[in-house]
N, C-alpha and C. Protein backbone atom coordinates (compact mmCIF):
# COMPACT_ATOMS: atom_id res chain seq x y z
N UNK A 1 -35.11 9.50 -4.07
CA UNK A 1 -35.40 10.09 -2.80
C UNK A 1 -34.28 11.06 -2.43
N UNK A 2 -34.65 12.27 -2.18
CA UNK A 2 -33.67 13.30 -1.82
C UNK A 2 -33.29 13.17 -0.35
N UNK A 3 -32.03 13.22 -0.13
CA UNK A 3 -31.56 13.14 1.25
C UNK A 3 -30.89 14.44 1.63
N UNK A 4 -31.03 14.78 2.87
CA UNK A 4 -30.43 16.02 3.37
C UNK A 4 -28.92 15.86 3.45
N UNK A 5 -28.24 16.88 3.05
CA UNK A 5 -26.79 16.88 3.12
C UNK A 5 -26.38 17.43 4.47
N UNK A 6 -25.58 16.68 5.15
CA UNK A 6 -25.14 17.10 6.47
C UNK A 6 -23.90 17.98 6.33
N UNK A 7 -23.97 19.16 6.85
CA UNK A 7 -22.83 20.07 6.79
C UNK A 7 -22.02 19.96 8.07
N UNK A 8 -20.73 19.94 7.90
CA UNK A 8 -19.84 19.92 9.06
C UNK A 8 -19.69 21.33 9.59
N UNK A 9 -20.07 21.53 10.84
CA UNK A 9 -19.98 22.86 11.44
C UNK A 9 -18.89 22.84 12.50
N UNK A 10 -18.00 23.82 12.40
CA UNK A 10 -16.92 23.91 13.38
C UNK A 10 -17.43 24.61 14.63
N UNK A 11 -16.72 24.49 15.74
CA UNK A 11 -17.15 25.16 16.97
C UNK A 11 -17.16 26.69 16.84
N UNK A 12 -16.39 27.23 15.91
CA UNK A 12 -16.33 28.68 15.72
C UNK A 12 -17.17 29.14 14.53
N UNK A 13 -18.13 28.33 14.10
CA UNK A 13 -18.90 28.69 12.91
C UNK A 13 -19.82 29.89 13.15
N UNK A 14 -20.10 30.23 14.41
CA UNK A 14 -20.92 31.40 14.67
C UNK A 14 -20.20 32.70 14.29
N UNK A 15 -18.91 32.62 14.04
CA UNK A 15 -18.16 33.80 13.63
C UNK A 15 -18.31 34.09 12.13
N UNK A 16 -18.80 33.12 11.38
CA UNK A 16 -18.91 33.26 9.93
C UNK A 16 -20.31 33.77 9.56
N UNK A 17 -20.58 35.01 9.85
CA UNK A 17 -21.91 35.56 9.59
C UNK A 17 -22.14 35.87 8.13
N UNK A 18 -21.10 35.87 7.32
CA UNK A 18 -21.27 36.14 5.90
C UNK A 18 -21.49 34.87 5.08
N UNK A 19 -21.52 33.70 5.74
CA UNK A 19 -21.77 32.46 5.05
C UNK A 19 -20.55 31.79 4.48
N UNK A 20 -19.40 32.40 4.57
CA UNK A 20 -18.15 31.83 4.08
C UNK A 20 -17.31 31.37 5.25
N UNK A 21 -16.49 30.38 5.00
CA UNK A 21 -15.59 29.89 6.05
C UNK A 21 -14.34 30.78 6.10
N UNK A 22 -13.93 31.12 7.33
CA UNK A 22 -12.73 31.92 7.56
C UNK A 22 -11.88 31.22 8.60
N UNK A 23 -11.22 30.11 8.25
CA UNK A 23 -10.49 29.36 9.27
C UNK A 23 -9.29 30.11 9.85
N UNK A 24 -8.58 30.86 9.05
CA UNK A 24 -7.41 31.59 9.55
C UNK A 24 -7.85 32.71 10.48
N UNK A 25 -8.84 33.47 10.06
CA UNK A 25 -9.31 34.59 10.86
C UNK A 25 -9.92 34.10 12.16
N UNK A 26 -10.69 33.00 12.10
CA UNK A 26 -11.28 32.44 13.32
C UNK A 26 -10.20 31.92 14.26
N UNK A 27 -9.14 31.36 13.71
CA UNK A 27 -8.04 30.87 14.54
C UNK A 27 -7.33 32.01 15.25
N UNK A 28 -7.15 33.12 14.56
CA UNK A 28 -6.54 34.29 15.20
C UNK A 28 -7.43 34.82 16.33
N UNK A 29 -8.73 34.84 16.10
CA UNK A 29 -9.64 35.32 17.14
C UNK A 29 -9.61 34.40 18.36
N UNK A 30 -9.64 33.09 18.13
CA UNK A 30 -9.61 32.14 19.25
C UNK A 30 -8.27 32.19 19.98
N UNK A 31 -7.17 32.29 19.25
CA UNK A 31 -5.85 32.34 19.88
C UNK A 31 -5.68 33.62 20.70
N UNK A 32 -6.17 34.73 20.18
CA UNK A 32 -6.07 35.99 20.91
C UNK A 32 -6.89 35.93 22.19
N UNK A 33 -8.08 35.37 22.11
CA UNK A 33 -8.92 35.25 23.30
C UNK A 33 -8.28 34.33 24.33
N UNK A 34 -7.71 33.21 23.88
CA UNK A 34 -7.06 32.28 24.79
C UNK A 34 -5.82 32.89 25.43
N UNK A 35 -5.00 33.57 24.64
CA UNK A 35 -3.81 34.22 25.20
C UNK A 35 -4.18 35.34 26.16
N UNK A 36 -5.24 36.07 25.85
CA UNK A 36 -5.71 37.11 26.76
C UNK A 36 -6.17 36.54 28.09
N UNK A 37 -6.88 35.41 28.04
CA UNK A 37 -7.32 34.77 29.28
C UNK A 37 -6.14 34.26 30.10
N UNK A 38 -5.17 33.66 29.43
CA UNK A 38 -3.97 33.19 30.15
C UNK A 38 -3.23 34.36 30.77
N UNK A 39 -3.10 35.44 30.02
CA UNK A 39 -2.37 36.60 30.53
C UNK A 39 -3.06 37.23 31.73
N UNK A 40 -4.37 37.39 31.65
CA UNK A 40 -5.06 38.08 32.74
C UNK A 40 -5.19 37.19 33.98
N UNK A 41 -5.34 35.88 33.78
CA UNK A 41 -5.44 34.99 34.94
C UNK A 41 -4.09 34.83 35.61
N UNK A 42 -3.03 34.71 34.82
CA UNK A 42 -1.71 34.56 35.43
C UNK A 42 -1.19 35.86 36.04
N UNK A 43 -1.73 36.99 35.64
CA UNK A 43 -1.30 38.26 36.22
C UNK A 43 -1.84 38.46 37.64
N UNK A 44 -2.77 37.63 38.05
CA UNK A 44 -3.29 37.74 39.41
C UNK A 44 -2.26 37.29 40.44
N UNK A 45 -1.29 36.49 40.03
CA UNK A 45 -0.21 36.05 40.91
C UNK A 45 1.08 36.73 40.47
N UNK A 46 1.67 37.55 41.33
CA UNK A 46 2.90 38.26 40.95
C UNK A 46 4.06 37.33 40.58
N UNK A 47 4.05 36.11 41.08
CA UNK A 47 5.12 35.17 40.76
C UNK A 47 5.06 34.65 39.33
N UNK A 48 3.94 34.82 38.68
CA UNK A 48 3.78 34.36 37.30
C UNK A 48 3.91 35.50 36.30
N UNK A 49 4.74 36.50 36.65
CA UNK A 49 4.86 37.67 35.78
C UNK A 49 5.47 37.33 34.43
N UNK A 50 6.32 36.30 34.37
CA UNK A 50 6.88 35.90 33.08
C UNK A 50 5.79 35.36 32.16
N UNK A 51 4.91 34.54 32.69
CA UNK A 51 3.83 33.97 31.90
C UNK A 51 2.88 35.07 31.44
N UNK A 52 2.48 35.93 32.37
CA UNK A 52 1.50 36.95 32.01
C UNK A 52 2.06 37.98 31.04
N UNK A 53 3.31 38.36 31.22
CA UNK A 53 3.86 39.37 30.31
C UNK A 53 4.09 38.80 28.92
N UNK A 54 4.60 37.57 28.80
CA UNK A 54 4.84 36.99 27.48
C UNK A 54 3.53 36.62 26.79
N UNK A 55 2.59 36.04 27.54
CA UNK A 55 1.30 35.70 26.93
C UNK A 55 0.57 36.97 26.50
N UNK A 56 0.69 38.03 27.31
CA UNK A 56 0.07 39.29 26.94
C UNK A 56 0.69 39.90 25.70
N UNK A 57 2.02 39.85 25.61
CA UNK A 57 2.70 40.40 24.44
C UNK A 57 2.32 39.64 23.17
N UNK A 58 2.35 38.32 23.23
CA UNK A 58 1.98 37.52 22.06
C UNK A 58 0.50 37.72 21.73
N UNK A 59 -0.35 37.84 22.76
CA UNK A 59 -1.76 38.09 22.53
C UNK A 59 -2.02 39.44 21.87
N UNK A 60 -1.25 40.43 22.25
CA UNK A 60 -1.39 41.75 21.62
C UNK A 60 -0.98 41.68 20.15
N UNK A 61 0.10 40.98 19.87
CA UNK A 61 0.57 40.88 18.49
C UNK A 61 -0.39 40.07 17.62
N UNK A 62 -0.88 38.94 18.13
CA UNK A 62 -1.83 38.15 17.34
C UNK A 62 -3.16 38.87 17.18
N UNK A 63 -3.57 39.60 18.21
CA UNK A 63 -4.81 40.37 18.10
C UNK A 63 -4.71 41.50 17.11
N UNK A 64 -3.54 42.15 17.07
CA UNK A 64 -3.36 43.24 16.10
C UNK A 64 -3.37 42.70 14.68
N UNK A 65 -2.70 41.57 14.45
CA UNK A 65 -2.72 40.99 13.11
C UNK A 65 -4.12 40.46 12.76
N UNK A 66 -4.79 39.89 13.74
CA UNK A 66 -6.15 39.41 13.51
C UNK A 66 -7.10 40.53 13.14
N UNK A 67 -6.92 41.70 13.73
CA UNK A 67 -7.74 42.86 13.37
C UNK A 67 -7.49 43.27 11.93
N UNK A 68 -6.24 43.14 11.49
CA UNK A 68 -5.91 43.53 10.11
C UNK A 68 -6.58 42.62 9.08
N UNK A 69 -6.72 41.33 9.41
CA UNK A 69 -7.25 40.39 8.42
C UNK A 69 -8.67 39.94 8.72
N UNK A 70 -9.30 40.42 9.78
CA UNK A 70 -10.64 39.94 10.14
C UNK A 70 -11.65 40.28 9.06
N UNK A 71 -12.67 39.41 8.95
CA UNK A 71 -13.64 39.55 7.88
C UNK A 71 -15.05 39.86 8.39
N UNK A 72 -15.38 39.47 9.61
CA UNK A 72 -16.73 39.67 10.12
C UNK A 72 -16.70 40.39 11.46
N UNK A 73 -17.84 40.94 11.82
CA UNK A 73 -17.97 41.67 13.08
C UNK A 73 -17.79 40.78 14.31
N UNK A 74 -18.35 39.56 14.35
CA UNK A 74 -18.10 38.72 15.53
C UNK A 74 -16.62 38.38 15.74
N UNK A 75 -15.88 38.23 14.66
CA UNK A 75 -14.43 38.02 14.80
C UNK A 75 -13.78 39.23 15.44
N UNK A 76 -14.16 40.40 14.99
CA UNK A 76 -13.58 41.63 15.55
C UNK A 76 -13.96 41.79 17.02
N UNK A 77 -15.17 41.39 17.38
CA UNK A 77 -15.60 41.48 18.78
C UNK A 77 -14.72 40.60 19.67
N UNK A 78 -14.51 39.34 19.27
CA UNK A 78 -13.65 38.46 20.06
C UNK A 78 -12.21 38.96 20.10
N UNK A 79 -11.76 39.52 18.99
CA UNK A 79 -10.40 40.06 18.95
C UNK A 79 -10.23 41.22 19.92
N UNK A 80 -11.21 42.10 19.99
CA UNK A 80 -11.12 43.25 20.89
C UNK A 80 -11.16 42.80 22.35
N UNK A 81 -12.01 41.84 22.67
CA UNK A 81 -12.06 41.33 24.04
C UNK A 81 -10.73 40.67 24.40
N UNK A 82 -10.19 39.86 23.50
CA UNK A 82 -8.90 39.21 23.74
C UNK A 82 -7.76 40.20 23.82
N UNK A 83 -7.80 41.22 22.96
CA UNK A 83 -6.76 42.26 23.00
C UNK A 83 -6.79 43.02 24.32
N UNK A 84 -7.96 43.34 24.80
CA UNK A 84 -8.06 44.05 26.08
C UNK A 84 -7.53 43.22 27.23
N UNK A 85 -7.90 41.94 27.26
CA UNK A 85 -7.42 41.06 28.32
C UNK A 85 -5.91 40.86 28.22
N UNK A 86 -5.41 40.70 27.00
CA UNK A 86 -3.97 40.52 26.82
C UNK A 86 -3.21 41.77 27.25
N UNK A 87 -3.73 42.93 26.93
CA UNK A 87 -3.06 44.18 27.30
C UNK A 87 -3.03 44.36 28.82
N UNK A 88 -4.14 44.08 29.49
CA UNK A 88 -4.17 44.20 30.95
C UNK A 88 -3.20 43.20 31.58
N UNK A 89 -3.21 41.95 31.09
CA UNK A 89 -2.28 40.95 31.61
C UNK A 89 -0.83 41.34 31.34
N UNK A 90 -0.57 41.89 30.15
CA UNK A 90 0.78 42.32 29.81
C UNK A 90 1.26 43.43 30.73
N UNK A 91 0.43 44.44 30.93
CA UNK A 91 0.85 45.57 31.76
C UNK A 91 1.00 45.18 33.22
N UNK A 92 0.14 44.32 33.72
CA UNK A 92 0.31 43.85 35.10
C UNK A 92 1.54 42.96 35.23
N UNK A 93 1.81 42.14 34.23
CA UNK A 93 3.03 41.33 34.24
C UNK A 93 4.28 42.19 34.21
N UNK A 94 4.22 43.28 33.43
CA UNK A 94 5.36 44.20 33.40
C UNK A 94 5.54 44.90 34.74
N UNK A 95 4.45 45.23 35.40
CA UNK A 95 4.53 45.89 36.70
C UNK A 95 5.07 44.94 37.77
N UNK A 96 4.82 43.64 37.62
CA UNK A 96 5.27 42.68 38.63
C UNK A 96 6.68 42.18 38.41
N UNK A 97 7.29 42.47 37.27
CA UNK A 97 8.66 42.01 37.08
C UNK A 97 9.14 42.01 35.65
N UNK A 98 8.24 42.12 34.71
CA UNK A 98 8.66 42.27 33.33
C UNK A 98 8.82 40.98 32.55
N UNK A 99 9.31 41.15 31.34
CA UNK A 99 9.45 40.03 30.40
C UNK A 99 10.57 39.08 30.78
N UNK A 100 11.60 39.59 31.42
CA UNK A 100 12.74 38.73 31.76
C UNK A 100 12.90 38.56 33.27
N UNK A 101 12.34 39.44 34.06
CA UNK A 101 12.26 39.28 35.50
C UNK A 101 13.56 39.02 36.23
N UNK A 102 14.60 39.75 35.88
CA UNK A 102 15.87 39.60 36.56
C UNK A 102 16.77 38.53 35.97
N UNK A 103 16.30 37.83 34.95
CA UNK A 103 17.12 36.79 34.34
C UNK A 103 18.26 37.45 33.55
N UNK A 104 17.97 38.56 32.89
CA UNK A 104 18.98 39.28 32.11
C UNK A 104 19.35 40.59 32.80
N UNK A 105 19.96 40.55 33.88
CA UNK A 105 20.43 41.79 34.48
C UNK A 105 19.95 42.04 35.79
């Protein structure tokens, strides 16, 4: 009797449109999106400029590297959305006080 094989599907499996698993690329896309959300939400409060500027900077760097190694179009879509949010959060954090915010000078 043939039994169906159950495949383990990750929460980010919708990013693998080519049928292959891309755990590193999917992790970069998820991290960039998460950092972008943290940066843009924390930039709404001027007192959190350190969080928004650093999260935005790290989000920009991870998003840029993720774009270099991305394999599918859905990964690139999430990376671009995360990069945009990270950049807006970074620039607003810089406008509110910057990366060091008076700690160094």
